[in-house]
């Protein structure tokens, strides 16, 4: 069985990164 804590930690880490990238793209689109 997978470690729940490890999965949650990884998901949080990736979600923050995805949010930053999403925000950057959104900002770039508004600039044009």
PDB file of N, CA and C in Angstrom:
ATOM      1  N   UNK A   1       0.836  -1.205   0.000  1.00  0.00           N
ATOM      2  CA  UNK A   1       0.000   0.000   0.000  1.00  0.00           C
ATOM      3  C   UNK A   1       0.877   1.265   0.000  1.00  0.00           C
ATOM      4  N   UNK A   2       0.418   2.273  -0.737  1.00  0.00           N
ATOM      5  CA  UNK A   2       1.173   3.532  -0.811  1.00  0.00           C
ATOM      6  C   UNK A   2       1.105   4.297   0.498  1.00  0.00           C
ATOM      7  N   UNK A   3       2.127   5.074   0.751  1.00  0.00           N
ATOM      8  CA  UNK A   3       2.161   5.908   1.949  1.00  0.00           C
ATOM      9  C   UNK A   3       1.283   7.135   1.701  1.00  0.00           C
ATOM     10  N   UNK A   4       0.214   7.269   2.479  1.00  0.00           N
ATOM     11  CA  UNK A   4      -0.743   8.380   2.296  1.00  0.00           C
ATOM     12  C   UNK A   4      -0.060   9.724   2.522  1.00  0.00           C
ATOM     13  N   UNK A   5       0.766   9.802   3.553  1.00  0.00           N
ATOM     14  CA  UNK A   5       1.447  11.064   3.862  1.00  0.00           C
ATOM     15  C   UNK A   5       2.354  11.510   2.716  1.00  0.00           C
ATOM     16  N   UNK A   6       3.063  10.545   2.144  1.00  0.00           N
ATOM     17  CA  UNK A   6       3.970  10.854   1.032  1.00  0.00           C
ATOM     18  C   UNK A   6       3.181  11.362  -0.173  1.00  0.00           C
ATOM     19  N   UNK A   7       2.067  10.693  -0.469  1.00  0.00           N
ATOM     20  CA  UNK A   7       1.229  11.086  -1.610  1.00  0.00           C
ATOM     21  C   UNK A   7       0.663  12.487  -1.395  1.00  0.00           C
ATOM     22  N   UNK A   8       0.171  12.765  -0.193  1.00  0.00           N
ATOM     23  CA  UNK A   8      -0.397  14.075   0.123  1.00  0.00           C
ATOM     24  C   UNK A   8       0.666  15.162   0.007  1.00  0.00           C
ATOM     25  N   UNK A   9       1.850  14.855   0.518  1.00  0.00           N
ATOM     26  CA  UNK A   9       2.962  15.807   0.454  1.00  0.00           C
ATOM     27  C   UNK A   9       3.324  16.120  -0.994  1.00  0.00           C
ATOM     28  N   UNK A  10       3.412  15.070  -1.809  1.00  0.00           N
ATOM     29  CA  UNK A  10       3.759  15.240  -3.219  1.00  0.00           C
ATOM     30  C   UNK A  10       2.670  16.018  -3.943  1.00  0.00           C
ATOM     31  N   UNK A  11       1.416  15.696  -3.655  1.00  0.00           N
ATOM     32  CA  UNK A  11       0.295  16.381  -4.299  1.00  0.00           C
ATOM     33  C   UNK A  11       0.295  17.867  -3.962  1.00  0.00           C
ATOM     34  N   UNK A  12       0.532  18.191  -2.701  1.00  0.00           N
ATOM     35  CA  UNK A  12       0.579  19.599  -2.286  1.00  0.00           C
ATOM     36  C   UNK A  12       1.708  20.331  -2.999  1.00  0.00           C
ATOM     37  N   UNK A  13       2.849  19.676  -3.072  1.00  0.00           N
ATOM     38  CA  UNK A  13       4.020  20.267  -3.728  1.00  0.00           C
ATOM     39  C   UNK A  13       3.721  20.555  -5.200  1.00  0.00           C
ATOM     40  N   UNK A  14       3.133  19.565  -5.869  1.00  0.00           N
ATOM     41  CA  UNK A  14       2.827  19.722  -7.286  1.00  0.00           C
ATOM     42  C   UNK A  14       1.704  20.711  -7.523  1.00  0.00           C
ATOM     43  N   UNK A  15       0.697  20.720  -6.631  1.00  0.00           N
ATOM     44  CA  UNK A  15      -0.433  21.638  -6.801  1.00  0.00           C
ATOM     45  C   UNK A  15       0.030  23.086  -6.715  1.00  0.00           C
ATOM     46  N   UNK A  16       0.968  23.363  -5.830  1.00  0.00           N
ATOM     47  CA  UNK A  16       1.511  24.719  -5.695  1.00  0.00           C
ATOM     48  C   UNK A  16       2.260  25.112  -6.970  1.00  0.00           C
ATOM     49  N   UNK A  17       3.039  24.187  -7.495  1.00  0.00           N
ATOM     50  CA  UNK A  17       3.794  24.444  -8.730  1.00  0.00           C
ATOM     51  C   UNK A  17       2.851  24.683  -9.900  1.00  0.00           C
ATOM     52  N   UNK A  18       1.812  23.850 -10.004  1.00  0.00           N
ATOM     53  CA  UNK A  18       0.831  23.985 -11.082  1.00  0.00           C
ATOM     54  C   UNK A  18       0.106  25.317 -10.959  1.00  0.00           C
ATOM     55  N   UNK A  19      -0.225  25.701  -9.735  1.00  0.00           N
ATOM     56  CA  UNK A  19      -0.907  26.984  -9.517  1.00  0.00           C
ATOM     57  C   UNK A  19      -0.034  28.151  -9.948  1.00  0.00           C
ATOM     58  N   UNK A  20       1.243  28.082  -9.637  1.00  0.00           N
ATOM     59  CA  UNK A  20       2.172  29.151 -10.034  1.00  0.00           C
ATOM     60  C   UNK A  20       2.266  29.257 -11.546  1.00  0.00           C
ATOM     61  N   UNK A  21       2.376  28.113 -12.208  1.00  0.00           N
ATOM     62  CA  UNK A  21       2.459  28.089 -13.673  1.00  0.00           C
ATOM     63  C   UNK A  21       1.162  28.622 -14.275  1.00  0.00           C
ATOM     64  N   UNK A  22       0.033  28.196 -13.716  1.00  0.00           N
ATOM     65  CA  UNK A  22      -1.273  28.641 -14.201  1.00  0.00           C
ATOM     66  C   UNK A  22      -1.413  30.153 -14.065  1.00  0.00           C
ATOM     67  N   UNK A  23      -1.004  30.672 -12.927  1.00  0.00           N
ATOM     68  CA  UNK A  23      -1.066  32.112 -12.669  1.00  0.00           C
ATOM     69  C   UNK A  23      -0.176  32.878 -13.642  1.00  0.00           C
ATOM     70  N   UNK A  24       1.002  32.336 -13.919  1.00  0.00           N
ATOM     71  CA  UNK A  24       1.946  32.959 -14.850  1.00  0.00           C
ATOM     72  C   UNK A  24       1.356  33.025 -16.256  1.00  0.00           C
ATOM     73  N   UNK A  25       0.746  31.919 -16.705  1.00  0.00           N
ATOM     74  CA  UNK A  25       0.125  31.876 -18.037  1.00  0.00           C
ATOM     75  C   UNK A  25      -1.042  32.862 -18.102  1.00  0.00           C
ATOM     76  N   UNK A  26      -1.844  32.884 -17.052  1.00  0.00           N
ATOM     77  CA  UNK A  26      -2.993  33.789 -16.997  1.00  0.00           C
ATOM     78  C   UNK A  26      -2.536  35.244 -17.086  1.00  0.00           C
ATOM     79  N   UNK A  27      -1.499  35.564 -16.343  1.00  0.00           N
ATOM     80  CA  UNK A  27      -0.941  36.915 -16.341  1.00  0.00           C
ATOM     81  C   UNK A  27      -0.415  37.273 -17.732  1.00  0.00           C
ATOM     82  N   UNK A  28       0.269  36.326 -18.358  1.00  0.00           N
ATOM     83  CA  UNK A  28       0.824  36.534 -19.696  1.00  0.00           C
ATOM     84  C   UNK A  28      -0.285  36.786 -20.716  1.00  0.00           C
ATOM     85  N   UNK A  29      -1.383  36.054 -20.588  1.00  0.00           N
ATOM     86  CA  UNK A  29      -2.509  36.217 -21.508  1.00  0.00           C
ATOM     87  C   UNK A  29      -3.156  37.593 -21.351  1.00  0.00           C
ATOM     88  N   UNK A  30      -3.230  38.068 -20.131  1.00  0.00           N
ATOM     89  CA  UNK A  30      -3.833  39.379 -19.889  1.00  0.00           C
ATOM     90  C   UNK A  30      -2.957  40.525 -20.381  1.00  0.00           C
ATOM     91  N   UNK A  31      -1.657  40.290 -20.417  1.00  0.00           N
ATOM     92  CA  UNK A  31      -0.739  41.337 -20.868  1.00  0.00           C
ATOM     93  C   UNK A  31      -0.878  41.623 -22.357  1.00  0.00           C
ATOM     94  N   UNK A  32      -1.225  40.613 -23.131  1.00  0.00           N
ATOM     95  CA  UNK A  32      -1.311  40.774 -24.588  1.00  0.00           C
ATOM     96  C   UNK A  32      -2.542  41.547 -25.009  1.00  0.00           C
TER      97      UNK A  32
END
